[in-house]
C-alpha atoms as a PDB file:
ATOM      1  CA  MET A   1      26.365  -1.857  22.534  1.00  0.00           C
ATOM      2  CA  SER A   2      23.600   0.444  21.357  1.00  0.00           C
ATOM      3  CA  PRO A   3      22.336  -0.294  17.833  1.00  0.00           C
ATOM      4  CA  GLU A   4      22.676   3.435  16.977  1.00  0.00           C
ATOM      5  CA  LEU A   5      26.451   3.191  17.470  1.00  0.00           C
ATOM      6  CA  VAL A   6      26.862   0.426  14.887  1.00  0.00           C
ATOM      7  CA  SER A   7      26.550   1.185  11.177  1.00  0.00           C
ATOM      8  CA  PRO A   8      24.529  -1.216   9.021  1.00  0.00           C
ATOM      9  CA  GLU A   9      27.684  -2.114   7.088  1.00  0.00           C
ATOM     10  CA  LEU A  10      29.601  -2.938  10.283  1.00  0.00           C
ATOM     11  CA  ALA A  11      26.696  -4.950  11.687  1.00  0.00           C
ATOM     12  CA  LEU A  12      26.467  -6.934   8.444  1.00  0.00           C
ATOM     13  CA  ALA A  13      30.216  -7.573   8.392  1.00  0.00           C
ATOM     14  CA  LEU A  14      30.115  -8.728  12.014  1.00  0.00           C
ATOM     15  CA  LYS A  15      27.188 -11.035  11.330  1.00  0.00           C
ATOM     16  CA  ARG A  16      28.826 -12.596   8.297  1.00  0.00           C
ATOM     17  CA  THR A  17      32.144 -13.022  10.069  1.00  0.00           C
ATOM     18  CA  LEU A  18      30.466 -14.839  12.945  1.00  0.00           C
ATOM     19  CA  GLU A  19      28.561 -17.030  10.477  1.00  0.00           C
ATOM     20  CA  LEU A  20      31.741 -18.043   8.679  1.00  0.00           C
ATOM     21  CA  LEU A  21      33.465 -18.831  11.954  1.00  0.00           C
ATOM     22  CA  LEU A  22      30.615 -20.691  13.671  1.00  0.00           C
ATOM     23  CA  LEU A  23      28.569 -22.382  10.949  1.00  0.00           C
ATOM     24  CA  PRO A  24      29.774 -25.461   9.059  1.00  0.00           C
ATOM     25  CA  PRO A  25      32.308 -26.263   7.844  1.00  0.00           C
ATOM     26  CA  ALA A  26      34.353 -24.125  10.253  1.00  0.00           C
ATOM     27  CA  GLY A  27      32.227 -24.611  13.392  1.00  0.00           C
ATOM     28  CA  PRO A  28      32.815 -28.353  13.909  1.00  0.00           C
ATOM     29  CA  LEU A  29      36.494 -27.935  13.049  1.00  0.00           C
ATOM     30  CA  TRP A  30      36.937 -25.604  16.020  1.00  0.00           C
ATOM     31  CA  LEU A  31      35.820 -28.502  18.220  1.00  0.00           C
ATOM     32  CA  VAL A  32      38.422 -30.743  16.621  1.00  0.00           C
ATOM     33  CA  LEU A  33      41.137 -28.153  17.255  1.00  0.00           C
ATOM     34  CA  LEU A  34      39.914 -27.664  20.818  1.00  0.00           C
ATOM     35  CA  GLY A  35      40.031 -31.412  21.380  1.00  0.00           C
ATOM     36  CA  LEU A  36      43.582 -31.642  20.057  1.00  0.00           C
ATOM     37  CA  TRP A  37      44.656 -28.771  22.318  1.00  0.00           C
ATOM     38  CA  ILE A  38      43.000 -30.219  25.423  1.00  0.00           C
ATOM     39  CA  GLY A  39      44.373 -33.636  24.527  1.00  0.00           C
ATOM     40  CA  ARG A  40      47.899 -32.482  25.308  1.00  0.00           C
ATOM     41  CA  SER A  41      47.091 -32.630  29.006  1.00  0.00           C
ATOM     42  CA  ARG A  42      43.846 -34.638  29.168  1.00  0.00           C
ATOM     43  CA  ALA A  43      44.006 -37.219  26.436  1.00  0.00           C
ATOM     44  CA  ALA A  44      40.623 -38.898  26.960  1.00  0.00           C
ATOM     45  CA  THR A  45      38.713 -35.629  27.157  1.00  0.00           C
ATOM     46  CA  GLY A  46      40.539 -34.214  24.178  1.00  0.00           C
ATOM     47  CA  ARG A  47      39.829 -37.289  22.048  1.00  0.00           C
ATOM     48  CA  ALA A  48      36.138 -37.169  22.976  1.00  0.00           C
ATOM     49  CA  ILE A  49      35.829 -33.506  21.954  1.00  0.00           C
ATOM     50  CA  ALA A  50      37.744 -34.104  18.713  1.00  0.00           C
ATOM     51  CA  VAL A  51      35.582 -37.093  17.828  1.00  0.00           C
ATOM     52  CA  LEU A  52      32.470 -34.995  18.518  1.00  0.00           C
ATOM     53  CA  GLY A  53      33.765 -32.333  16.142  1.00  0.00           C
ATOM     54  CA  VAL A  54      34.385 -34.880  13.385  1.00  0.00           C
ATOM     55  CA  ALA A  55      30.959 -36.446  13.935  1.00  0.00           C
ATOM     56  CA  LEU A  56      29.269 -33.037  13.669  1.00  0.00           C
ATOM     57  CA  ALA A  57      31.246 -32.182  10.538  1.00  0.00           C
ATOM     58  CA  VAL A  58      30.074 -35.408   8.887  1.00  0.00           C
ATOM     59  CA  ALA A  59      26.464 -35.129  10.096  1.00  0.00           C
ATOM     60  CA  LEU A  60      26.154 -31.509   8.957  1.00  0.00           C
ATOM     61  CA  SER A  61      27.183 -32.471   5.421  1.00  0.00           C
ATOM     62  CA  THR A  62      24.360 -34.989   4.918  1.00  0.00           C
ATOM     63  CA  GLN A  63      21.004 -34.313   3.316  1.00  0.00           C
ATOM     64  CA  GLY A  64      19.290 -36.379   6.000  1.00  0.00           C
ATOM     65  CA  VAL A  65      20.288 -33.942   8.736  1.00  0.00           C
ATOM     66  CA  GLY A  66      19.768 -30.903   6.511  1.00  0.00           C
ATOM     67  CA  ARG A  67      16.197 -31.869   5.649  1.00  0.00           C
ATOM     68  CA  ARG A  68      15.333 -32.418   9.293  1.00  0.00           C
ATOM     69  CA  LEU A  69      16.762 -29.047  10.266  1.00  0.00           C
ATOM     70  CA  ALA A  70      14.859 -27.329   7.473  1.00  0.00           C
ATOM     71  CA  ALA A  71      11.496 -29.097   7.810  1.00  0.00           C
ATOM     72  CA  PRO A  72      10.255 -27.353  11.000  1.00  0.00           C
ATOM     73  CA  LEU A  73      11.383 -23.964   9.660  1.00  0.00           C
ATOM     74  CA  GLU A  74       9.550 -24.561   6.389  1.00  0.00           C
ATOM     75  CA  ARG A  75       6.333 -25.649   8.081  1.00  0.00           C
ATOM     76  CA  GLU A  76       6.116 -22.163   9.585  1.00  0.00           C
ATOM     77  CA  ALA A  77       5.985 -20.716   6.054  1.00  0.00           C
ATOM     78  CA  GLY A  78       2.657 -22.347   5.317  1.00  0.00           C
ATOM     79  CA  PRO A  79       1.785 -24.299   2.169  1.00  0.00           C
ATOM     80  CA  ALA A  80       2.952 -23.472  -1.312  1.00  0.00           C
ATOM     81  CA  LEU A  81       0.344 -21.519  -3.290  1.00  0.00           C
ATOM     82  CA  ASP A  82      -0.998 -23.102  -6.454  1.00  0.00           C
ATOM     83  CA  GLU A  83      -2.808 -21.232  -9.228  1.00  0.00           C
ATOM     84  CA  ALA A  84      -6.235 -21.825  -7.693  1.00  0.00           C
ATOM     85  CA  SER A  85      -5.048 -20.446  -4.341  1.00  0.00           C
ATOM     86  CA  LEU A  86      -3.610 -17.333  -5.989  1.00  0.00           C
ATOM     87  CA  ARG A  87      -6.803 -16.673  -7.938  1.00  0.00           C
ATOM     88  CA  ALA A  88      -8.843 -17.107  -4.761  1.00  0.00           C
ATOM     89  CA  LEU A  89      -6.625 -14.541  -3.007  1.00  0.00           C
ATOM     90  CA  MET A  90      -7.106 -12.084  -5.846  1.00  0.00           C
ATOM     91  CA  ALA A  91     -10.892 -12.477  -5.636  1.00  0.00           C
ATOM     92  CA  ARG A  92     -10.989 -11.358  -2.004  1.00  0.00           C
ATOM     93  CA  SER A  93     -11.810  -7.848  -0.858  1.00  0.00           C
ATOM     94  CA  ASP A  94      -8.359  -7.649   0.782  1.00  0.00           C
ATOM     95  CA  ALA A  95      -6.497  -8.964  -2.256  1.00  0.00           C
ATOM     96  CA  PRO A  96      -2.728  -8.402  -2.412  1.00  0.00           C
ATOM     97  CA  GLN A  97      -1.648  -5.236  -4.185  1.00  0.00           C
ATOM     98  CA  ALA A  98       1.926  -6.111  -5.176  1.00  0.00           C
ATOM     99  CA  ILE A  99       4.547  -8.854  -5.276  1.00  0.00           C
ATOM    100  CA  VAL A 100       7.842  -8.546  -3.398  1.00  0.00           C
ATOM    101  CA  ILE A 101      10.715 -10.825  -4.408  1.00  0.00           C
ATOM    102  CA  LEU A 102      13.657 -10.909  -2.006  1.00  0.00           C
ATOM    103  CA  GLY A 103      17.203 -11.315  -3.268  1.00  0.00           C
ATOM    104  CA  GLY A 104      19.259 -14.331  -2.244  1.00  0.00           C
ATOM    105  CA  GLY A 105      22.659 -13.255  -3.506  1.00  0.00           C
ATOM    106  CA  VAL A 106      24.470 -12.567  -6.772  1.00  0.00           C
ATOM    107  CA  ARG A 107      27.527 -14.071  -8.410  1.00  0.00           C
ATOM    108  CA  SER A 108      30.285 -12.219 -10.228  1.00  0.00           C
ATOM    109  CA  ASP A 109      32.271 -13.886 -12.997  1.00  0.00           C
ATOM    110  CA  ARG A 110      34.467 -11.695 -15.200  1.00  0.00           C
ATOM    111  CA  HIS A 111      34.509 -14.441 -17.828  1.00  0.00           C
ATOM    112  CA  ALA A 112      30.713 -14.707 -18.024  1.00  0.00           C
ATOM    113  CA  ARG A 113      28.882 -13.425 -21.095  1.00  0.00           C
ATOM    114  CA  PRO A 114      26.828 -11.420 -21.805  1.00  0.00           C
ATOM    115  CA  GLU A 115      26.705 -10.188 -18.200  1.00  0.00           C
ATOM    116  CA  ARG A 116      29.329 -10.418 -15.479  1.00  0.00           C
ATOM    117  CA  TYR A 117      26.789 -10.373 -12.654  1.00  0.00           C
ATOM    118  CA  ARG A 118      24.264 -13.192 -12.411  1.00  0.00           C
ATOM    119  CA  PRO A 119      21.746 -14.220  -9.762  1.00  0.00           C
ATOM    120  CA  HIS A 120      22.784 -16.808  -7.213  1.00  0.00           C
ATOM    121  CA  PRO A 121      20.825 -20.074  -7.705  1.00  0.00           C
ATOM    122  CA  ARG A 122      18.754 -19.203  -4.610  1.00  0.00           C
ATOM    123  CA  THR A 123      17.861 -15.853  -6.159  1.00  0.00           C
ATOM    124  CA  LEU A 124      17.029 -17.497  -9.471  1.00  0.00           C
ATOM    125  CA  GLU A 125      14.610 -19.885  -7.745  1.00  0.00           C
ATOM    126  CA  ARG A 126      12.821 -16.908  -6.230  1.00  0.00           C
ATOM    127  CA  LEU A 127      12.747 -15.075  -9.551  1.00  0.00           C
ATOM    128  CA  LEU A 128      11.241 -18.044 -11.367  1.00  0.00           C
ATOM    129  CA  HIS A 129       8.542 -18.377  -8.734  1.00  0.00           C
ATOM    130  CA  GLY A 130       7.908 -14.645  -8.585  1.00  0.00           C
ATOM    131  CA  ALA A 131       7.553 -14.426 -12.370  1.00  0.00           C
ATOM    132  CA  TRP A 132       4.963 -17.207 -12.280  1.00  0.00           C
ATOM    133  CA  VAL A 133       3.058 -15.483  -9.447  1.00  0.00           C
ATOM    134  CA  ALA A 134       3.086 -12.256 -11.461  1.00  0.00           C
ATOM    135  CA  ARG A 135       1.704 -13.998 -14.547  1.00  0.00           C
ATOM    136  CA  VAL A 136      -1.122 -15.580 -12.554  1.00  0.00           C
ATOM    137  CA  THR A 137      -2.088 -12.478 -10.562  1.00  0.00           C
ATOM    138  CA  GLY A 138      -1.141  -9.604 -12.863  1.00  0.00           C
ATOM    139  CA  LEU A 139       0.266  -7.717  -9.859  1.00  0.00           C
ATOM    140  CA  PRO A 140       3.184  -5.269 -10.124  1.00  0.00           C
ATOM    141  CA  VAL A 141       6.565  -6.542  -8.938  1.00  0.00           C
ATOM    142  CA  LEU A 142       9.107  -5.127  -6.499  1.00  0.00           C
ATOM    143  CA  VAL A 143      12.585  -6.656  -6.245  1.00  0.00           C
ATOM    144  CA  SER A 144      14.710  -6.021  -3.181  1.00  0.00           C
ATOM    145  CA  GLY A 145      18.436  -6.359  -2.589  1.00  0.00           C
ATOM    146  CA  GLY A 146      21.400  -4.007  -2.312  1.00  0.00           C
ATOM    147  CA  ALA A 147      24.973  -4.348  -3.546  1.00  0.00           C
ATOM    148  CA  PRO A 148      26.949  -6.948  -1.549  1.00  0.00           C
ATOM    149  CA  SER A 149      30.424  -5.972  -0.398  1.00  0.00           C
ATOM    150  CA  GLY A 150      32.830  -5.903  -3.333  1.00  0.00           C
ATOM    151  CA  HIS A 151      30.084  -5.847  -5.963  1.00  0.00           C
ATOM    152  CA  GLU A 152      29.438  -2.930  -8.300  1.00  0.00           C
ATOM    153  CA  VAL A 153      25.859  -3.942  -9.086  1.00  0.00           C
ATOM    154  CA  SER A 154      22.965  -4.441  -6.675  1.00  0.00           C
ATOM    155  CA  GLU A 155      20.961  -7.631  -6.360  1.00  0.00           C
ATOM    156  CA  ALA A 156      17.874  -5.645  -7.356  1.00  0.00           C
ATOM    157  CA  ALA A 157      19.477  -4.523 -10.613  1.00  0.00           C
ATOM    158  CA  VAL A 158      20.454  -8.084 -11.516  1.00  0.00           C
ATOM    159  CA  MET A 159      17.008  -9.392 -10.572  1.00  0.00           C
ATOM    160  CA  LYS A 160      15.276  -6.700 -12.615  1.00  0.00           C
ATOM    161  CA  ARG A 161      17.398  -7.469 -15.651  1.00  0.00           C
ATOM    162  CA  VAL A 162      16.716 -11.213 -15.486  1.00  0.00           C
ATOM    163  CA  LEU A 163      12.988 -10.756 -14.908  1.00  0.00           C
ATOM    164  CA  GLU A 164      12.538  -8.292 -17.734  1.00  0.00           C
ATOM    165  CA  THR A 165      14.900  -9.704 -20.364  1.00  0.00           C
ATOM    166  CA  GLN A 166      14.621 -13.438 -19.706  1.00  0.00           C
ATOM    167  CA  LEU A 167      11.352 -14.026 -17.853  1.00  0.00           C
ATOM    168  CA  ALA A 168       9.136 -11.443 -19.591  1.00  0.00           C
ATOM    169  CA  THR A 169       8.114  -9.905 -16.249  1.00  0.00           C
ATOM    170  CA  ARG A 170       8.083  -6.140 -15.799  1.00  0.00           C
ATOM    171  CA  VAL A 171       9.517  -4.740 -12.565  1.00  0.00           C
ATOM    172  CA  ARG A 172       7.870  -1.582 -11.221  1.00  0.00           C
ATOM    173  CA  TRP A 173      10.104  -1.006  -8.191  1.00  0.00           C
ATOM    174  CA  ALA A 174      13.768  -1.916  -7.638  1.00  0.00           C
ATOM    175  CA  GLU A 175      14.826  -1.449  -4.012  1.00  0.00           C
ATOM    176  CA  ASP A 176      18.623  -1.496  -4.254  1.00  0.00           C
ATOM    177  CA  ARG A 177      19.920  -0.274  -0.876  1.00  0.00           C
ATOM    178  CA  SER A 178      19.108  -3.046   1.588  1.00  0.00           C
ATOM    179  CA  LEU A 179      21.821  -5.238   3.096  1.00  0.00           C
ATOM    180  CA  ASP A 180      19.738  -7.789   5.007  1.00  0.00           C
ATOM    181  CA  THR A 181      16.162  -8.985   5.527  1.00  0.00           C
ATOM    182  CA  GLY A 182      15.280  -6.236   7.962  1.00  0.00           C
ATOM    183  CA  GLU A 183      16.378  -3.562   5.500  1.00  0.00           C
ATOM    184  CA  ASN A 184      14.619  -5.418   2.664  1.00  0.00           C
ATOM    185  CA  ALA A 185      11.408  -4.870   4.573  1.00  0.00           C
ATOM    186  CA  GLN A 186      12.007  -1.287   5.686  1.00  0.00           C
ATOM    187  CA  ARG A 187      13.106   0.047   2.320  1.00  0.00           C
ATOM    188  CA  SER A 188      10.505  -1.925   0.360  1.00  0.00           C
ATOM    189  CA  ALA A 189       7.824  -0.546   2.668  1.00  0.00           C
ATOM    190  CA  GLU A 190       8.950   3.013   1.878  1.00  0.00           C
ATOM    191  CA  LEU A 191       8.424   2.429  -1.842  1.00  0.00           C
ATOM    192  CA  LEU A 192       5.127   0.599  -1.466  1.00  0.00           C
ATOM    193  CA  ARG A 193       3.543   2.980   1.022  1.00  0.00           C
ATOM    194  CA  ALA A 194       4.365   5.872  -1.304  1.00  0.00           C
ATOM    195  CA  ASP A 195       2.175   4.080  -3.855  1.00  0.00           C
ATOM    196  CA  LYS A 196      -0.492   3.318  -1.203  1.00  0.00           C
ATOM    197  CA  ARG A 197       0.139  -0.420  -1.246  1.00  0.00           C
ATOM    198  CA  ARG A 198       0.385  -2.410   1.968  1.00  0.00           C
ATOM    199  CA  ARG A 199      -0.763  -5.964   1.319  1.00  0.00           C
ATOM    200  CA  VAL A 200       1.862  -7.900  -0.648  1.00  0.00           C
ATOM    201  CA  LEU A 201       2.630 -11.395  -1.833  1.00  0.00           C
ATOM    202  CA  LEU A 202       6.053 -12.124  -0.360  1.00  0.00           C
ATOM    203  CA  VAL A 203       8.308 -14.423  -2.390  1.00  0.00           C
ATOM    204  CA  THR A 204      11.297 -16.039  -0.707  1.00  0.00           C
ATOM    205  CA  HIS A 205      12.448 -19.513   0.262  1.00  0.00           C
ATOM    206  CA  ALA A 206      10.203 -21.386   2.646  1.00  0.00           C
ATOM    207  CA  VAL A 207      13.004 -21.740   5.194  1.00  0.00           C
ATOM    208  CA  HIS A 208      13.390 -17.938   5.224  1.00  0.00           C
ATOM    209  CA  MET A 209       9.709 -17.012   5.208  1.00  0.00           C
ATOM    210  CA  ARG A 210       8.959 -16.671   8.924  1.00  0.00           C
ATOM    211  CA  ARG A 211      11.797 -14.211   9.525  1.00  0.00           C
ATOM    212  CA  ALA A 212      11.014 -12.291   6.339  1.00  0.00           C
ATOM    213  CA  ARG A 213       7.317 -12.125   7.139  1.00  0.00           C
ATOM    214  CA  ALA A 214       8.016 -10.812  10.649  1.00  0.00           C
ATOM    215  CA  ALA A 215      10.324  -8.129   9.237  1.00  0.00           C
ATOM    216  CA  PHE A 216       7.698  -6.964   6.729  1.00  0.00           C
ATOM    217  CA  GLU A 217       4.998  -6.876   9.388  1.00  0.00           C
ATOM    218  CA  LYS A 218       7.282  -4.814  11.597  1.00  0.00           C
ATOM    219  CA  ALA A 219       7.767  -2.418   8.677  1.00  0.00           C
ATOM    220  CA  GLY A 220       4.019  -1.847   8.521  1.00  0.00           C
ATOM    221  CA  LEU A 221       3.107  -4.058   5.568  1.00  0.00           C
ATOM    222  CA  GLU A 222       0.722  -7.002   5.372  1.00  0.00           C
ATOM    223  CA  PRO A 223       2.717  -9.836   3.795  1.00  0.00           C
ATOM    224  CA  VAL A 224       1.003 -12.915   2.373  1.00  0.00           C
ATOM    225  CA  PRO A 225       3.511 -15.789   2.150  1.00  0.00           C
ATOM    226  CA  ALA A 226       4.229 -17.150  -1.327  1.00  0.00           C
ATOM    227  CA  PRO A 227       7.056 -19.540  -0.396  1.00  0.00           C
ATOM    228  CA  THR A 228       9.241 -21.462  -2.805  1.00  0.00           C
ATOM    229  CA  GLY A 229      12.285 -23.735  -2.640  1.00  0.00           C
ATOM    230  CA  PHE A 230      11.050 -26.311  -0.139  1.00  0.00           C
ATOM    231  CA  PHE A 231      13.799 -28.850   0.574  1.00  0.00           C
ATOM    232  CA  GLY A 232      12.804 -30.133   4.004  1.00  0.00           C
ATOM    233  CA  THR A 233      10.472 -32.709   2.454  1.00  0.00           C
ATOM    234  CA  PRO A 234      12.368 -35.115   0.200  1.00  0.00           C
ATOM    235  CA  VAL A 235      10.915 -36.423  -3.045  1.00  0.00           C
ATOM    236  CA  HIS A 236      12.360 -39.770  -2.071  1.00  0.00           C
ATOM    237  CA  SER A 237      14.453 -40.944   0.843  1.00  0.00           C
ATOM    238  CA  ASP A 238      17.089 -43.679   1.027  1.00  0.00           C
ATOM    239  CA  TRP A 239      20.356 -44.434   2.737  1.00  0.00           C
ATOM    240  CA  LEU A 240      22.277 -42.171   0.360  1.00  0.00           C
ATOM    241  CA  GLU A 241      20.888 -39.073   2.092  1.00  0.00           C
ATOM    242  CA  TRP A 242      22.950 -40.031   5.145  1.00  0.00           C
ATOM    243  CA  LEU A 243      26.238 -39.874   3.239  1.00  0.00           C
ATOM    244  CA  PRO A 244      28.198 -36.598   3.097  1.00  0.00           C
ATOM    245  CA  SER A 245      27.638 -34.599  -0.085  1.00  0.00           C
ATOM    246  CA  ALA A 246      27.982 -31.075  -1.438  1.00  0.00           C
ATOM    247  CA  ASP A 247      24.182 -30.772  -1.601  1.00  0.00           C
ATOM    248  CA  GLY A 248      23.938 -31.916   1.999  1.00  0.00           C
ATOM    249  CA  ALA A 249      26.516 -29.387   3.177  1.00  0.00           C
ATOM    250  CA  ALA A 250      24.684 -26.576   1.354  1.00  0.00           C
ATOM    251  CA  MET A 251      21.331 -27.675   2.770  1.00  0.00           C
ATOM    252  CA  ASN A 252      22.637 -27.669   6.340  1.00  0.00           C
ATOM    253  CA  TRP A 253      24.294 -24.294   5.836  1.00  0.00           C
ATOM    254  CA  VAL A 254      21.049 -22.705   4.630  1.00  0.00           C
ATOM    255  CA  ALA A 255      19.064 -24.120   7.558  1.00  0.00           C
ATOM    256  CA  LEU A 256      21.654 -23.116  10.153  1.00  0.00           C
ATOM    257  CA  HIS A 257      22.063 -19.704   8.510  1.00  0.00           C
ATOM    258  CA  GLU A 258      18.342 -19.133   9.012  1.00  0.00           C
ATOM    259  CA  ILE A 259      18.480 -20.259  12.640  1.00  0.00           C
ATOM    260  CA  ALA A 260      21.459 -17.951  13.207  1.00  0.00           C
ATOM    261  CA  GLY A 261      19.589 -15.114  11.500  1.00  0.00           C
ATOM    262  CA  ARG A 262      16.679 -15.469  13.875  1.00  0.00           C
ATOM    263  CA  LEU A 263      19.006 -15.423  16.878  1.00  0.00           C
ATOM    264  CA  TRP A 264      20.756 -12.335  15.492  1.00  0.00           C
ATOM    265  CA  TYR A 265      17.491 -10.457  15.100  1.00  0.00           C
ATOM    266  CA  ARG A 266      16.452 -11.328  18.645  1.00  0.00           C
ATOM    267  CA  LEU A 267      19.820 -10.145  19.923  1.00  0.00           C
ATOM    268  CA  ARG A 268      19.518  -6.832  18.075  1.00  0.00           C
ATOM    269  CA  GLU A 269      16.042  -6.274  19.454  1.00  0.00           C
ATOM    270  CA  SER A 270      17.162  -6.977  23.021  1.00  0.00           C
ATOM    271  CA  VAL A 271      20.074  -4.519  23.117  1.00  0.00           C
END
């Protein structure tokens, strides 16, 4: 199918539907169901497939597996930048000219006060890091993220509010139309090029950095990685990381989401 025949909204809905169906926790459960169905006629084969599905479901809910899936993705982001590194970048002739902080989702809670819409914890991590980068460098900030389906407020609007009212960081540009990483890059580039800025410090999670950086380069910008949220390298490691946990399930989902995102982008470019 030609990309021109698919609207961005439909493409996003298709991508998210496939993610929900194929990534944990649903993905391994399909194997269990397949094994039970096959087991009606071929008991040994069916049991083997069902056991594989259960084993994958357990493995993909442990921090041990999640860290090892994330670690190679995070290494591609490069090292975290400390204050000395940022000041050295700013002293160069090709110093960055702006900071771009990518959204990682918003949450809606009608009971929440004073605001119904709040940044997802992933977004908040990026905002905290981006605010620190802005304080060190003094560069203007762009936030990027459109309104997810069913939300009345864009990620960019929520990010801008939190940065300005709670983190004392002024936002110069709020790109509020993008629906995925590719659109983050394209629409951010439109705003930045209009202000004659091309070289930017790009703030997102380390696991997401390679895909984000490639998208911004494709959009004609010169991104300098400023990764945050490394979880592929544990502070400490013991046998508990091999037990199923909510943190482990979330960690595996993020890593597999990124792997799926890369495959999706390659598929879109090949059609």
